[in-house]
Amino acid sequence: MRKCLILLLLAALLAGCVPCACAEIDLSTPEATSEPESDPTPELSVAPLMDAPPISLNCASALLVEAQSGQIIFEMNADAPRAVASVTKVMTILLTLEALESGRIALDDSVTISESASGMGGSQVLLDTGETQTIDILLKSMIVGSANDAAVALAEAIYGSEELCVSRMNERAAELGMADTHFVNCTGLPAEGQQTSARDVARMSMAMFKHPLYFEYSHIWLDEVDHGDGRVTQLTNTNKLIRLYDGCDGGKTGSTNEAGYCISATAQRSGMRLIAVVLGASSGTERFDIAQEMFDYGFANYRLYPVAERGTKVRGSLPVTGGRSDSVTLELDADLTLLIVKGDEQNIQLIPNLPQSVQAAVTAGERIGSVDVQLDGRTVASIPVAASQSVEPKGFLYSLRRLWSKWLIGY
């Protein structure tokens, strides 16, 4: 009789082992994928840190934002719809960079210049109808020299026509939340109905600055384009701040009678990247001066403070009821870096917001609670907390195994 009971218990245990084997956690490093995910563009903060600009801004609209967090430091008339001239090309550049990243086009692809592209007015690289240039040269001409003919040539190469490109520009604007924007062309040349705002310029600039390839062109001060027929066109960067301001490595300028003088510029110091948007200044020199003052204020008064890193263990453990383990360890489930006023580091507190216990089953990675981040007693962020490992419920099979173990010891 005892022998039969042993066999029955053994059969039950073996049957119960099958699902347990499937529930094992794979701790091996996953294989790299052919298309790594890129970090999404952060959302702009709902409100600026400051109620009003701390400096005089002699322009129509302005906004200063930290690029990693999307936190706006200050703004002025940020939602007023305006023409922005060639700053429009930020979206044309962004779509080109995204097409390159997706493999839709390649830098060494050849483009035959159309009559429509070569006939563009305004700033040009002087492309001729029938001339052949690579995507690389056209992109450089648009970023460095703000060339309208190169912009249209790229629009036609990627989408088939400037009209189709403009349609995609408006779609991408909607995806980025650019509620005050409508594009009519890909160059920024004056056109009825074409408008955007300082806030929307910041949104598309943040997306553009996420692409490392952009900075391979934006820092170029002087270059030239060989047309292959003996003609050479000199390129000079329209963004003078790359030479005038320490840390400035990119941006887009624009100017027309309607738009005034505009710029969306970026600069990086000590690992912090700022974006300054200036629209409707009265002169080219003034737009650069205003952007410099905005950068100066931001770098002098703010810093990025790393508050938390994903995977950091939370001190102690949390009781588990009805589980095979009496407790579960916890870890932070997100990274958090805050933009703070320099010197405010000592005023940051982490306040756990966790239950007294959890009921099994618990799955590794399951959200358990959070840690509130407080600055001067005010909650400014919340970090999710997750279980570090799984805890299975006791259940019938668990009790049967315990009975089997005790029986064997007694036997």
Protein backbone atom coordinates (compact mmCIF):
# COMPACT_ATOMS: atom_id res chain seq x y z
CA MET A 1 0.00 0.00 0.00
CA ARG A 2 2.80 2.40 0.91
CA LYS A 3 4.55 1.55 -2.37
CA CYS A 4 1.43 2.49 -4.37
CA LEU A 5 1.09 5.75 -2.48
CA ILE A 6 4.73 6.62 -3.28
CA LEU A 7 4.16 5.97 -6.99
CA LEU A 8 0.99 8.08 -7.03
CA LEU A 9 2.71 10.98 -5.29
CA LEU A 10 5.70 10.70 -7.64
CA ALA A 11 3.42 10.81 -10.70
CA ALA A 12 1.66 13.90 -9.36
CA LEU A 13 4.96 15.65 -8.70
CA LEU A 14 6.28 14.86 -12.18
CA ALA A 15 3.07 16.20 -13.74
CA GLY A 16 3.38 19.39 -11.71
CA CYS A 17 6.96 19.98 -12.82
CA VAL A 18 6.06 20.58 -16.46
CA PRO A 19 4.48 24.04 -16.04
CA CYS A 20 7.19 25.04 -13.58
CA ALA A 21 9.85 24.42 -16.21
CA CYS A 22 8.01 26.76 -18.59
CA ALA A 23 7.91 29.48 -15.95
CA GLU A 24 11.68 29.78 -15.58
CA ILE A 25 13.05 33.30 -16.08
CA ASP A 26 15.57 33.65 -18.90
CA LEU A 27 18.46 35.77 -17.60
CA SER A 28 20.54 35.46 -20.78
CA THR A 29 21.37 38.58 -22.78
CA PRO A 30 18.97 38.89 -25.74
CA GLU A 31 20.46 38.97 -29.21
CA ALA A 32 20.83 42.41 -30.77
CA THR A 33 18.13 43.27 -33.28
CA SER A 34 18.93 44.57 -36.73
CA GLU A 35 16.86 47.70 -36.11
CA PRO A 36 17.57 49.02 -32.59
CA GLU A 37 14.85 51.20 -31.13
CA SER A 38 15.72 54.88 -30.90
CA ASP A 39 14.77 56.98 -27.91
CA PRO A 40 11.50 58.77 -28.47
CA THR A 41 11.44 62.54 -28.55
CA PRO A 42 10.38 63.76 -25.08
CA GLU A 43 7.19 65.71 -24.66
CA LEU A 44 7.45 69.41 -23.92
CA SER A 45 6.53 70.23 -20.34
CA VAL A 46 3.02 71.52 -19.74
CA ALA A 47 4.30 74.69 -18.09
CA PRO A 48 7.62 76.58 -17.95
CA LEU A 49 9.67 76.69 -14.76
CA MET A 50 9.45 80.47 -14.73
CA ASP A 51 6.29 82.57 -14.92
CA ALA A 52 8.01 85.21 -17.06
CA PRO A 53 11.30 85.51 -18.95
CA PRO A 54 14.10 86.69 -16.61
CA ILE A 55 15.79 88.62 -19.41
CA SER A 56 14.66 91.19 -21.95
CA LEU A 57 13.53 89.55 -25.19
CA ASN A 58 13.27 92.05 -28.05
CA CYS A 59 11.47 89.71 -30.45
CA ALA A 60 7.96 88.49 -31.21
CA SER A 61 8.19 85.00 -29.66
CA ALA A 62 10.78 83.00 -27.76
CA LEU A 63 11.22 79.76 -25.82
CA LEU A 64 14.11 78.08 -23.97
CA VAL A 65 13.89 74.33 -23.34
CA GLU A 66 16.17 71.58 -22.03
CA ALA A 67 16.24 68.88 -24.70
CA GLN A 68 16.55 65.65 -22.67
CA SER A 69 13.64 66.25 -20.33
CA GLY A 70 11.56 68.56 -22.53
CA GLN A 71 11.32 70.98 -19.62
CA ILE A 72 10.66 74.54 -20.73
CA ILE A 73 12.63 77.04 -18.66
CA PHE A 74 10.84 80.16 -19.89
CA GLU A 75 8.79 81.30 -22.85
CA MET A 76 7.17 84.38 -24.41
CA ASN A 77 4.20 84.32 -26.81
CA ALA A 78 5.12 80.69 -27.47
CA ASP A 79 1.78 79.77 -29.05
CA ALA A 80 1.36 82.79 -31.33
CA PRO A 81 1.14 81.56 -34.96
CA ARG A 82 3.80 83.13 -37.17
CA ALA A 83 5.73 82.73 -40.39
CA VAL A 84 9.27 81.52 -39.61
CA ALA A 85 10.92 81.62 -43.07
CA SER A 86 13.65 78.98 -43.52
CA VAL A 87 13.21 77.62 -39.99
CA THR A 88 10.45 75.68 -41.81
CA LYS A 89 13.28 73.52 -43.20
CA VAL A 90 13.70 71.93 -39.76
CA MET A 91 10.80 69.67 -40.75
CA THR A 92 12.23 69.01 -44.22
CA ILE A 93 15.57 68.08 -42.64
CA LEU A 94 13.84 65.87 -40.05
CA LEU A 95 11.95 63.93 -42.73
CA THR A 96 15.17 63.45 -44.71
CA LEU A 97 16.99 62.14 -41.63
CA GLU A 98 14.11 59.77 -40.87
CA ALA A 99 14.08 58.53 -44.47
CA LEU A 100 17.79 57.81 -44.22
CA GLU A 101 17.36 56.05 -40.89
CA SER A 102 14.58 53.83 -42.26
CA GLY A 103 16.60 52.91 -45.38
CA ARG A 104 14.16 54.59 -47.75
CA ILE A 105 17.08 56.55 -49.21
CA ALA A 106 20.88 56.41 -48.83
CA LEU A 107 23.46 59.19 -48.66
CA ASP A 108 25.13 58.03 -51.89
CA ASP A 109 21.87 57.90 -53.88
CA SER A 110 22.00 60.15 -56.95
CA VAL A 111 19.31 62.76 -57.58
CA THR A 112 18.68 64.45 -60.92
CA ILE A 113 17.68 68.05 -60.35
CA SER A 114 14.29 69.03 -61.77
CA GLU A 115 13.37 72.34 -63.35
CA SER A 116 11.12 73.03 -60.38
CA ALA A 117 13.98 72.57 -57.90
CA SER A 118 16.51 74.59 -59.89
CA GLY A 119 14.03 77.44 -60.27
CA MET A 120 13.67 78.09 -56.55
CA GLY A 121 14.33 81.65 -55.41
CA GLY A 122 15.86 82.84 -52.17
CA SER A 123 18.97 81.16 -50.75
CA GLN A 124 20.33 78.56 -53.17
CA VAL A 125 23.26 76.33 -53.94
CA LEU A 126 22.70 77.18 -57.62
CA LEU A 127 21.67 73.75 -58.91
CA ASP A 128 21.02 73.44 -62.66
CA THR A 129 18.19 71.48 -64.29
CA GLY A 130 19.48 68.01 -65.16
CA GLU A 131 22.44 68.28 -62.77
CA THR A 132 23.11 65.20 -60.65
CA GLN A 133 23.96 65.40 -56.94
CA THR A 134 23.90 62.90 -54.10
CA ILE A 135 21.54 62.95 -51.13
CA ASP A 136 24.64 63.70 -49.04
CA ILE A 137 25.44 66.92 -50.93
CA LEU A 138 21.82 68.06 -51.01
CA LEU A 139 21.36 67.49 -47.28
CA LYS A 140 24.58 69.34 -46.50
CA SER A 141 23.49 72.24 -48.73
CA MET A 142 20.16 72.50 -46.92
CA ILE A 143 21.59 72.27 -43.38
CA VAL A 144 24.66 74.47 -43.88
CA GLY A 145 23.53 76.88 -46.60
CA SER A 146 19.74 76.77 -46.18
CA ALA A 147 19.48 76.04 -49.91
CA ASN A 148 15.90 76.13 -51.19
CA ASP A 149 16.76 74.30 -54.42
CA ALA A 150 18.37 71.46 -52.43
CA ALA A 151 15.30 71.26 -50.16
CA VAL A 152 12.91 70.85 -53.10
CA ALA A 153 15.24 68.34 -54.78
CA LEU A 154 15.22 66.23 -51.59
CA ALA A 155 11.44 66.52 -51.27
CA GLU A 156 11.00 65.25 -54.83
CA ALA A 157 13.57 62.47 -54.38
CA ILE A 158 11.93 61.12 -51.21
CA TYR A 159 8.22 61.66 -51.93
CA GLY A 160 7.95 62.22 -55.68
CA SER A 161 6.88 65.85 -55.48
CA GLU A 162 7.05 68.83 -53.16
CA GLU A 163 3.27 68.64 -52.69
CA LEU A 164 3.45 65.07 -51.39
CA CYS A 165 6.35 66.05 -49.15
CA VAL A 166 4.31 68.92 -47.70
CA SER A 167 1.48 66.51 -46.99
CA ARG A 168 3.87 64.32 -45.00
CA MET A 169 5.27 67.40 -43.25
CA ASN A 170 1.80 68.20 -41.96
CA GLU A 171 1.22 64.59 -40.93
CA ARG A 172 4.51 64.54 -39.02
CA ALA A 173 3.64 67.86 -37.40
CA ALA A 174 0.41 66.32 -36.11
CA GLU A 175 2.33 63.31 -34.78
CA LEU A 176 4.61 65.66 -32.85
CA GLY A 177 1.66 67.56 -31.39
CA MET A 178 2.33 70.75 -33.39
CA ALA A 179 -1.19 72.14 -33.06
CA ASP A 180 -0.39 75.65 -34.32
CA THR A 181 1.43 74.57 -37.48
CA HIS A 182 0.46 74.32 -41.13
CA PHE A 183 2.99 73.86 -43.93
CA VAL A 184 2.43 74.97 -47.51
CA ASN A 185 5.94 74.39 -48.90
CA CYS A 186 9.15 72.70 -47.79
CA THR A 187 11.39 75.78 -47.98
CA GLY A 188 9.76 78.47 -45.84
CA LEU A 189 9.42 80.89 -48.76
CA PRO A 190 6.45 83.22 -48.20
CA ALA A 191 3.13 81.44 -48.79
CA GLU A 192 -0.40 82.19 -47.65
CA GLY A 193 -1.51 79.96 -44.79
CA GLN A 194 1.96 78.76 -43.80
CA GLN A 195 2.53 79.22 -40.08
CA THR A 196 3.94 77.71 -36.91
CA SER A 197 4.81 78.87 -33.37
CA ALA A 198 7.82 79.00 -31.06
CA ARG A 199 6.48 76.00 -29.14
CA ASP A 200 6.00 73.97 -32.31
CA VAL A 201 9.43 74.96 -33.61
CA ALA A 202 10.86 73.63 -30.35
CA ARG A 203 8.97 70.36 -30.82
CA MET A 204 10.29 69.68 -34.32
CA SER A 205 13.78 70.91 -33.39
CA MET A 206 13.94 68.44 -30.50
CA ALA A 207 13.04 65.65 -32.92
CA MET A 208 15.69 66.77 -35.42
CA PHE A 209 18.41 67.07 -32.78
CA LYS A 210 17.79 63.42 -31.77
CA HIS A 211 19.57 62.33 -34.98
CA PRO A 212 23.38 62.12 -34.64
CA LEU A 213 23.78 62.40 -38.43
CA TYR A 214 22.44 65.95 -38.30
CA PHE A 215 25.45 67.13 -36.27
CA GLU A 216 27.87 65.76 -38.88
CA TYR A 217 26.68 68.62 -41.10
CA SER A 218 25.54 71.34 -38.71
CA HIS A 219 29.02 72.14 -37.33
CA ILE A 220 30.45 72.83 -40.82
CA TRP A 221 31.35 76.49 -41.20
CA LEU A 222 32.70 76.66 -44.77
CA ASP A 223 32.41 74.13 -47.59
CA GLU A 224 31.76 73.98 -51.30
CA VAL A 225 29.62 72.12 -53.82
CA ASP A 226 31.16 70.93 -57.09
CA HIS A 227 28.55 70.97 -59.86
CA GLY A 228 30.62 68.76 -62.14
CA ASP A 229 30.72 71.25 -65.00
CA GLY A 230 33.52 73.44 -63.73
CA ARG A 231 31.27 75.47 -61.42
CA VAL A 232 31.80 75.44 -57.66
CA THR A 233 29.42 77.05 -55.15
CA GLN A 234 30.72 78.15 -51.76
CA LEU A 235 28.68 77.18 -48.71
CA THR A 236 28.77 79.32 -45.56
CA ASN A 237 26.83 78.29 -42.48
CA THR A 238 23.92 80.65 -41.88
CA ASN A 239 24.06 79.89 -38.12
CA LYS A 240 26.83 82.22 -36.91
CA LEU A 241 26.47 80.91 -33.35
CA ILE A 242 28.48 77.80 -34.16
CA ARG A 243 31.48 80.14 -34.27
CA LEU A 244 30.32 82.78 -31.80
CA TYR A 245 28.98 80.70 -28.92
CA ASP A 246 30.84 78.03 -26.94
CA GLY A 247 28.91 74.77 -27.15
CA CYS A 248 26.63 75.71 -30.04
CA ASP A 249 26.68 72.90 -32.59
CA GLY A 250 23.49 73.29 -34.56
CA GLY A 251 20.36 75.18 -35.43
CA LYS A 252 18.35 76.68 -38.28
CA THR A 253 18.01 80.31 -39.24
CA GLY A 254 15.43 82.06 -41.38
CA SER A 255 14.44 85.56 -42.42
CA THR A 256 11.86 87.25 -44.63
CA ASN A 257 10.08 90.58 -44.41
CA GLU A 258 7.00 88.82 -43.04
CA ALA A 259 8.79 86.55 -40.54
CA GLY A 260 11.53 88.90 -39.39
CA TYR A 261 14.75 87.25 -38.26
CA CYS A 262 14.37 83.80 -36.69
CA ILE A 263 16.50 81.01 -35.29
CA SER A 264 16.14 77.70 -33.52
CA ALA A 265 19.60 77.02 -32.09
CA THR A 266 21.05 74.37 -29.79
CA ALA A 267 24.08 74.33 -27.52
CA GLN A 268 25.48 71.73 -25.14
CA ARG A 269 27.62 72.16 -22.04
CA SER A 270 28.45 69.67 -19.28
CA GLY A 271 26.09 67.11 -20.79
CA MET A 272 23.09 69.45 -20.85
CA ARG A 273 21.58 70.46 -24.20
CA LEU A 274 19.46 73.60 -24.48
CA ILE A 275 17.34 74.76 -27.41
CA ALA A 276 16.66 78.47 -27.88
CA VAL A 277 13.89 79.55 -30.25
CA VAL A 278 13.82 83.22 -31.29
CA LEU A 279 11.16 84.41 -33.76
CA GLY A 280 10.55 87.84 -35.25
CA ALA A 281 13.70 89.71 -34.21
CA SER A 282 14.43 92.99 -35.96
CA SER A 283 17.85 92.01 -37.34
CA GLY A 284 20.09 89.03 -37.86
CA THR A 285 22.53 90.24 -35.22
CA GLU A 286 19.77 90.74 -32.68
CA ARG A 287 18.38 87.21 -33.08
CA PHE A 288 21.87 85.80 -32.39
CA ASP A 289 22.33 88.12 -29.39
CA ILE A 290 18.98 87.10 -27.90
CA ALA A 291 19.72 83.39 -28.36
CA GLN A 292 23.12 83.83 -26.69
CA GLU A 293 21.52 85.58 -23.70
CA MET A 294 18.97 82.78 -23.40
CA PHE A 295 21.72 80.16 -23.45
CA ASP A 296 23.79 82.13 -20.92
CA TYR A 297 20.90 82.24 -18.48
CA GLY A 298 20.07 78.56 -18.86
CA PHE A 299 23.62 77.28 -18.43
CA ALA A 300 24.37 79.62 -15.53
CA ASN A 301 21.30 78.74 -13.49
CA TYR A 302 20.27 75.16 -14.28
CA ARG A 303 21.75 71.70 -14.33
CA LEU A 304 20.62 68.13 -15.00
CA TYR A 305 20.47 66.03 -11.84
CA PRO A 306 20.33 62.20 -12.19
CA VAL A 307 17.75 61.14 -9.61
CA ALA A 308 17.23 57.47 -10.46
CA GLU A 309 18.43 54.67 -12.71
CA ARG A 310 16.26 51.78 -13.89
CA GLY A 311 17.11 48.52 -12.09
CA THR A 312 18.34 50.14 -8.86
CA LYS A 313 17.26 47.97 -5.91
CA VAL A 314 14.86 49.45 -3.38
CA ARG A 315 16.13 48.95 0.16
CA GLY A 316 14.51 46.02 2.02
CA SER A 317 11.78 43.75 0.65
CA LEU A 318 7.99 43.62 0.57
CA PRO A 319 6.00 40.87 2.36
CA VAL A 320 4.14 38.41 0.12
CA THR A 321 1.06 36.55 1.34
CA GLY A 322 0.13 33.16 -0.07
CA GLY A 323 3.40 32.75 -1.94
CA ARG A 324 6.20 30.23 -2.03
CA SER A 325 8.45 33.03 -0.80
CA ASP A 326 7.55 35.23 2.14
CA SER A 327 8.85 38.40 0.47
CA VAL A 328 9.88 39.96 -2.84
CA THR A 329 12.66 42.40 -3.62
CA LEU A 330 11.82 45.58 -5.51
CA GLU A 331 13.61 47.79 -8.04
CA LEU A 332 13.09 51.11 -9.79
CA ASP A 333 11.45 50.63 -13.19
CA ALA A 334 12.50 53.87 -14.91
CA ASP A 335 15.32 56.36 -15.27
CA LEU A 336 14.77 59.88 -14.04
CA THR A 337 16.87 62.98 -14.63
CA LEU A 338 15.52 66.31 -13.41
CA LEU A 339 16.31 69.80 -14.59
CA ILE A 340 16.86 71.77 -11.39
CA VAL A 341 18.17 75.12 -10.27
CA LYS A 342 21.82 74.78 -9.31
CA GLY A 343 22.07 74.23 -5.56
CA ASP A 344 18.65 72.56 -5.22
CA GLU A 345 20.16 69.07 -5.09
CA GLN A 346 19.97 69.04 -1.28
CA ASN A 347 16.24 69.76 -1.38
CA ILE A 348 15.31 66.59 -3.28
CA GLN A 349 13.64 63.80 -1.29
CA LEU A 350 12.50 60.31 -2.35
CA ILE A 351 9.28 59.20 -0.66
CA PRO A 352 8.21 55.51 -1.07
CA ASN A 353 4.58 54.96 -2.04
CA LEU A 354 4.21 51.18 -1.57
CA PRO A 355 1.56 48.79 -0.20
CA GLN A 356 2.06 47.00 3.13
CA SER A 357 2.18 43.64 1.30
CA VAL A 358 1.23 41.94 -1.98
CA GLN A 359 -0.72 38.78 -2.72
CA ALA A 360 0.90 36.00 -4.75
CA ALA A 361 1.26 35.38 -7.62
CA VAL A 362 3.78 38.13 -8.35
CA THR A 363 5.41 38.42 -11.78
CA ALA A 364 8.91 39.80 -12.31
CA GLY A 365 8.59 43.33 -13.67
CA GLU A 366 5.06 43.76 -12.28
CA ARG A 367 4.37 47.29 -11.07
CA ILE A 368 4.04 47.30 -7.29
CA GLY A 369 4.07 50.99 -6.39
CA SER A 370 6.16 54.10 -6.85
CA VAL A 371 8.67 56.45 -5.32
CA ASP A 372 7.59 60.08 -5.29
CA VAL A 373 10.28 62.67 -5.97
CA GLN A 374 9.79 65.84 -3.95
CA LEU A 375 11.57 69.16 -4.35
CA ASP A 376 11.07 71.63 -1.51
CA GLY A 377 8.14 69.51 -0.30
CA ARG A 378 6.40 69.55 -3.71
CA THR A 379 6.03 66.32 -5.72
CA VAL A 380 7.65 66.91 -9.11
CA ALA A 381 7.91 63.34 -10.46
CA SER A 382 7.07 59.74 -9.67
CA ILE A 383 9.27 56.70 -10.36
CA PRO A 384 7.51 53.34 -10.86
CA VAL A 385 8.64 50.43 -8.65
CA ALA A 386 8.49 46.82 -9.89
CA ALA A 387 9.09 43.33 -8.51
CA SER A 388 12.63 42.05 -9.11
CA GLN A 389 11.56 38.41 -9.39
CA SER A 390 8.46 36.25 -9.62
CA VAL A 391 6.77 34.65 -6.62
CA GLU A 392 4.41 31.75 -7.35
CA PRO A 393 1.36 31.03 -5.18
CA LYS A 394 1.48 28.03 -2.90
CA GLY A 395 -1.45 26.11 -4.41
CA PHE A 396 -2.19 22.38 -4.46
CA LEU A 397 1.01 21.19 -6.18
CA TYR A 398 3.15 23.22 -3.81
CA SER A 399 1.41 21.62 -0.81
CA LEU A 400 1.75 18.17 -2.40
CA ARG A 401 5.49 18.63 -2.92
CA ARG A 402 5.91 19.77 0.70
CA LEU A 403 3.95 16.68 1.84
CA TRP A 404 6.14 14.45 -0.36
CA SER A 405 9.34 15.98 1.05
CA LYS A 406 8.16 15.54 4.64
CA TRP A 407 7.00 11.99 3.93
CA LEU A 408 10.39 11.04 2.46
CA ILE A 409 12.19 12.43 5.48
CA GLY A 410 9.88 10.44 7.78
CA TYR A 411 10.24 7.32 5.62
